[in-house]
Amino acid sequence: METPTWLDKTKIKITFDARPILASGEHPLQRVMEECASLQPGEIYEIITPFPPMPMIEKLTALGFENHVEPGGNGLFHTYFRR
């Protein structure tokens, strides 16, 4: 998948590694929703997970956020949301 033109990694405002929360059995959706709500137009939120967070992507897309998922090394996924 091509990187969208809006994904300027210098505009990442928040990076959240969700692996520890997921490993504890918790779900980070509420935290991510709250943190994304704090973004200004053009700012980007990055979440790192061991899988593409599809329910989160669907919820934030429904709220008007753009998204892009990139596979990273070691089986990780970097998902970016932009207001």
N, C-alpha and C. Protein backbone atom coordinates (compact mmCIF):
# COMPACT_ATOMS: atom_id res chain seq x y z
N MET A 1 0.85 -1.18 0.00
CA MET A 1 0.00 0.00 0.00
C MET A 1 0.90 1.25 0.00
N GLU A 2 0.56 2.19 -0.82
CA GLU A 2 1.35 3.42 -0.91
C GLU A 2 1.10 4.31 0.30
N THR A 3 2.14 5.01 0.69
CA THR A 3 2.02 5.96 1.79
C THR A 3 1.23 7.17 1.29
N PRO A 4 0.18 7.57 2.03
CA PRO A 4 -0.61 8.73 1.59
C PRO A 4 0.20 10.02 1.70
N THR A 5 -0.16 10.98 0.88
CA THR A 5 0.57 12.25 0.86
C THR A 5 0.45 13.00 2.18
N TRP A 6 -0.62 12.77 2.96
CA TRP A 6 -0.80 13.48 4.22
C TRP A 6 0.11 12.96 5.33
N LEU A 7 0.70 11.77 5.14
CA LEU A 7 1.50 11.17 6.21
C LEU A 7 2.91 11.75 6.24
N ASP A 8 3.03 12.86 6.93
CA ASP A 8 4.31 13.53 7.16
C ASP A 8 4.69 13.20 8.60
N LYS A 9 5.66 12.30 8.76
CA LYS A 9 5.98 11.80 10.10
C LYS A 9 6.53 12.88 11.03
N THR A 10 6.90 14.02 10.49
CA THR A 10 7.32 15.12 11.36
C THR A 10 6.11 15.75 12.06
N LYS A 11 4.89 15.41 11.60
CA LYS A 11 3.67 15.96 12.20
C LYS A 11 3.04 15.00 13.21
N ILE A 12 3.76 13.92 13.56
CA ILE A 12 3.26 13.00 14.58
C ILE A 12 3.30 13.72 15.93
N LYS A 13 2.15 13.87 16.53
CA LYS A 13 2.03 14.57 17.82
C LYS A 13 2.15 13.58 18.99
N ILE A 14 1.56 12.39 18.81
CA ILE A 14 1.54 11.38 19.86
C ILE A 14 1.91 10.03 19.25
N THR A 15 2.82 9.31 19.90
CA THR A 15 3.12 7.92 19.55
C THR A 15 2.80 7.08 20.77
N PHE A 16 2.02 6.04 20.56
CA PHE A 16 1.58 5.18 21.65
C PHE A 16 1.89 3.73 21.30
N ASP A 17 2.71 3.08 22.11
CA ASP A 17 3.02 1.66 21.94
C ASP A 17 2.00 0.89 22.78
N ALA A 18 1.04 0.27 22.13
CA ALA A 18 -0.06 -0.40 22.83
C ALA A 18 0.27 -1.82 23.25
N ARG A 19 1.43 -2.32 22.91
CA ARG A 19 1.75 -3.72 23.23
C ARG A 19 1.65 -4.05 24.72
N PRO A 20 2.18 -3.24 25.64
CA PRO A 20 2.05 -3.61 27.06
C PRO A 20 0.60 -3.68 27.53
N ILE A 21 -0.23 -2.75 27.08
CA ILE A 21 -1.64 -2.77 27.47
C ILE A 21 -2.35 -3.99 26.89
N LEU A 22 -2.07 -4.29 25.62
CA LEU A 22 -2.68 -5.47 25.00
C LEU A 22 -2.22 -6.75 25.68
N ALA A 23 -0.95 -6.83 26.05
CA ALA A 23 -0.41 -8.02 26.71
C ALA A 23 -1.06 -8.24 28.07
N SER A 24 -1.51 -7.16 28.72
CA SER A 24 -2.15 -7.29 30.03
C SER A 24 -3.63 -7.66 29.91
N GLY A 25 -4.13 -7.76 28.67
CA GLY A 25 -5.52 -8.12 28.46
C GLY A 25 -6.46 -6.93 28.34
N GLU A 26 -5.92 -5.74 28.44
CA GLU A 26 -6.73 -4.53 28.32
C GLU A 26 -6.85 -4.13 26.84
N HIS A 27 -7.79 -3.26 26.56
CA HIS A 27 -7.96 -2.75 25.20
C HIS A 27 -7.72 -1.25 25.23
N PRO A 28 -6.87 -0.73 24.35
CA PRO A 28 -6.52 0.69 24.38
C PRO A 28 -7.49 1.62 23.66
N LEU A 29 -8.62 1.14 23.21
CA LEU A 29 -9.50 1.95 22.37
C LEU A 29 -9.89 3.28 23.03
N GLN A 30 -10.32 3.24 24.29
CA GLN A 30 -10.77 4.48 24.94
C GLN A 30 -9.63 5.49 25.02
N ARG A 31 -8.44 5.03 25.39
CA ARG A 31 -7.29 5.95 25.48
C ARG A 31 -6.99 6.57 24.12
N VAL A 32 -6.98 5.73 23.08
CA VAL A 32 -6.67 6.23 21.74
C VAL A 32 -7.72 7.22 21.28
N MET A 33 -8.99 6.93 21.54
CA MET A 33 -10.07 7.85 21.15
C MET A 33 -9.88 9.21 21.84
N GLU A 34 -9.56 9.19 23.14
CA GLU A 34 -9.36 10.44 23.87
C GLU A 34 -8.15 11.21 23.35
N GLU A 35 -7.05 10.50 23.11
CA GLU A 35 -5.85 11.18 22.64
C GLU A 35 -6.03 11.71 21.22
N CYS A 36 -6.72 10.97 20.37
CA CYS A 36 -6.98 11.45 19.01
C CYS A 36 -7.89 12.68 19.04
N ALA A 37 -8.81 12.73 19.98
CA ALA A 37 -9.71 13.88 20.10
C ALA A 37 -8.94 15.15 20.43
N SER A 38 -7.74 15.01 21.00
CA SER A 38 -6.94 16.18 21.36
C SER A 38 -6.11 16.72 20.20
N LEU A 39 -6.09 16.00 19.08
CA LEU A 39 -5.28 16.43 17.93
C LEU A 39 -5.87 17.66 17.27
N GLN A 40 -4.99 18.52 16.81
CA GLN A 40 -5.39 19.67 16.00
C GLN A 40 -5.41 19.22 14.53
N PRO A 41 -6.13 19.93 13.65
CA PRO A 41 -6.12 19.55 12.23
C PRO A 41 -4.69 19.44 11.70
N GLY A 42 -4.42 18.35 11.00
CA GLY A 42 -3.11 18.11 10.41
C GLY A 42 -2.16 17.33 11.30
N GLU A 43 -2.45 17.26 12.61
CA GLU A 43 -1.59 16.49 13.51
C GLU A 43 -1.88 15.00 13.37
N ILE A 44 -0.87 14.19 13.65
CA ILE A 44 -0.96 12.75 13.42
C ILE A 44 -0.73 11.99 14.73
N TYR A 45 -1.50 10.93 14.89
CA TYR A 45 -1.38 10.01 16.02
C TYR A 45 -0.85 8.70 15.49
N GLU A 46 0.14 8.12 16.17
CA GLU A 46 0.71 6.83 15.77
C GLU A 46 0.50 5.83 16.89
N ILE A 47 -0.02 4.66 16.55
CA ILE A 47 -0.16 3.58 17.52
C ILE A 47 0.60 2.36 16.99
N ILE A 48 1.32 1.70 17.87
CA ILE A 48 2.12 0.53 17.52
C ILE A 48 1.44 -0.68 18.15
N THR A 49 1.13 -1.67 17.31
CA THR A 49 0.43 -2.87 17.77
C THR A 49 1.00 -4.11 17.07
N PRO A 50 0.72 -5.31 17.61
CA PRO A 50 1.17 -6.54 16.96
C PRO A 50 0.23 -7.02 15.85
N PHE A 51 -0.79 -6.23 15.55
CA PHE A 51 -1.77 -6.57 14.50
C PHE A 51 -2.43 -5.27 14.05
N PRO A 52 -3.02 -5.25 12.86
CA PRO A 52 -3.74 -4.03 12.44
C PRO A 52 -4.99 -3.87 13.33
N PRO A 53 -5.15 -2.73 13.99
CA PRO A 53 -6.28 -2.53 14.92
C PRO A 53 -7.58 -2.16 14.20
N MET A 54 -8.17 -3.13 13.54
CA MET A 54 -9.32 -2.85 12.67
C MET A 54 -10.52 -2.20 13.37
N PRO A 55 -10.96 -2.67 14.54
CA PRO A 55 -12.10 -1.97 15.17
C PRO A 55 -11.79 -0.51 15.47
N MET A 56 -10.57 -0.23 15.89
CA MET A 56 -10.16 1.14 16.17
C MET A 56 -10.16 1.97 14.89
N ILE A 57 -9.65 1.40 13.82
CA ILE A 57 -9.62 2.08 12.52
C ILE A 57 -11.04 2.42 12.08
N GLU A 58 -11.96 1.45 12.23
CA GLU A 58 -13.35 1.68 11.81
C GLU A 58 -13.99 2.79 12.63
N LYS A 59 -13.79 2.80 13.95
CA LYS A 59 -14.40 3.82 14.80
C LYS A 59 -13.85 5.21 14.48
N LEU A 60 -12.53 5.32 14.35
CA LEU A 60 -11.94 6.64 14.09
C LEU A 60 -12.24 7.12 12.67
N THR A 61 -12.33 6.22 11.73
CA THR A 61 -12.72 6.60 10.36
C THR A 61 -14.14 7.15 10.37
N ALA A 62 -15.02 6.52 11.14
CA ALA A 62 -16.41 6.99 11.24
C ALA A 62 -16.47 8.39 11.86
N LEU A 63 -15.45 8.75 12.66
CA LEU A 63 -15.40 10.08 13.27
C LEU A 63 -14.67 11.09 12.38
N GLY A 64 -14.28 10.67 11.18
CA GLY A 64 -13.68 11.59 10.23
C GLY A 64 -12.16 11.60 10.17
N PHE A 65 -11.52 10.65 10.84
CA PHE A 65 -10.06 10.58 10.80
C PHE A 65 -9.61 9.79 9.58
N GLU A 66 -8.51 10.24 8.98
CA GLU A 66 -7.86 9.47 7.94
C GLU A 66 -6.94 8.47 8.63
N ASN A 67 -6.63 7.35 7.96
CA ASN A 67 -5.74 6.37 8.57
C ASN A 67 -4.86 5.71 7.54
N HIS A 68 -3.77 5.17 8.04
CA HIS A 68 -2.85 4.42 7.21
C HIS A 68 -2.13 3.42 8.11
N VAL A 69 -2.01 2.17 7.65
CA VAL A 69 -1.33 1.12 8.40
C VAL A 69 -0.09 0.71 7.64
N GLU A 70 1.05 0.65 8.35
CA GLU A 70 2.30 0.18 7.76
C GLU A 70 2.83 -0.99 8.57
N PRO A 71 3.15 -2.10 7.90
CA PRO A 71 3.82 -3.16 8.64
C PRO A 71 5.24 -2.72 8.99
N GLY A 72 5.63 -2.97 10.23
CA GLY A 72 6.97 -2.64 10.66
C GLY A 72 7.78 -3.92 10.85
N GLY A 73 8.94 -3.79 11.40
CA GLY A 73 9.75 -4.97 11.66
C GLY A 73 9.22 -5.76 12.85
N ASN A 74 9.66 -6.98 12.99
CA ASN A 74 9.32 -7.85 14.12
C ASN A 74 7.82 -8.09 14.28
N GLY A 75 7.09 -8.10 13.17
CA GLY A 75 5.66 -8.37 13.23
C GLY A 75 4.81 -7.26 13.81
N LEU A 76 5.34 -6.06 13.85
CA LEU A 76 4.59 -4.93 14.39
C LEU A 76 3.88 -4.16 13.28
N PHE A 77 2.86 -3.42 13.68
CA PHE A 77 2.15 -2.56 12.75
C PHE A 77 2.12 -1.15 13.33
N HIS A 78 2.36 -0.18 12.48
CA HIS A 78 2.28 1.23 12.85
C HIS A 78 1.05 1.78 12.13
N THR A 79 0.10 2.24 12.92
CA THR A 79 -1.14 2.79 12.36
C THR A 79 -1.15 4.28 12.66
N TYR A 80 -1.44 5.06 11.65
CA TYR A 80 -1.43 6.52 11.76
C TYR A 80 -2.83 7.05 11.54
N PHE A 81 -3.23 7.99 12.40
CA PHE A 81 -4.52 8.65 12.27
C PHE A 81 -4.28 10.14 12.16
N ARG A 82 -5.00 10.78 11.25
CA ARG A 82 -4.89 12.24 11.10
C ARG A 82 -6.28 12.84 11.17
N ARG A 83 -6.36 13.92 11.94
CA ARG A 83 -7.64 14.63 12.05
C ARG A 83 -7.89 15.39 10.77
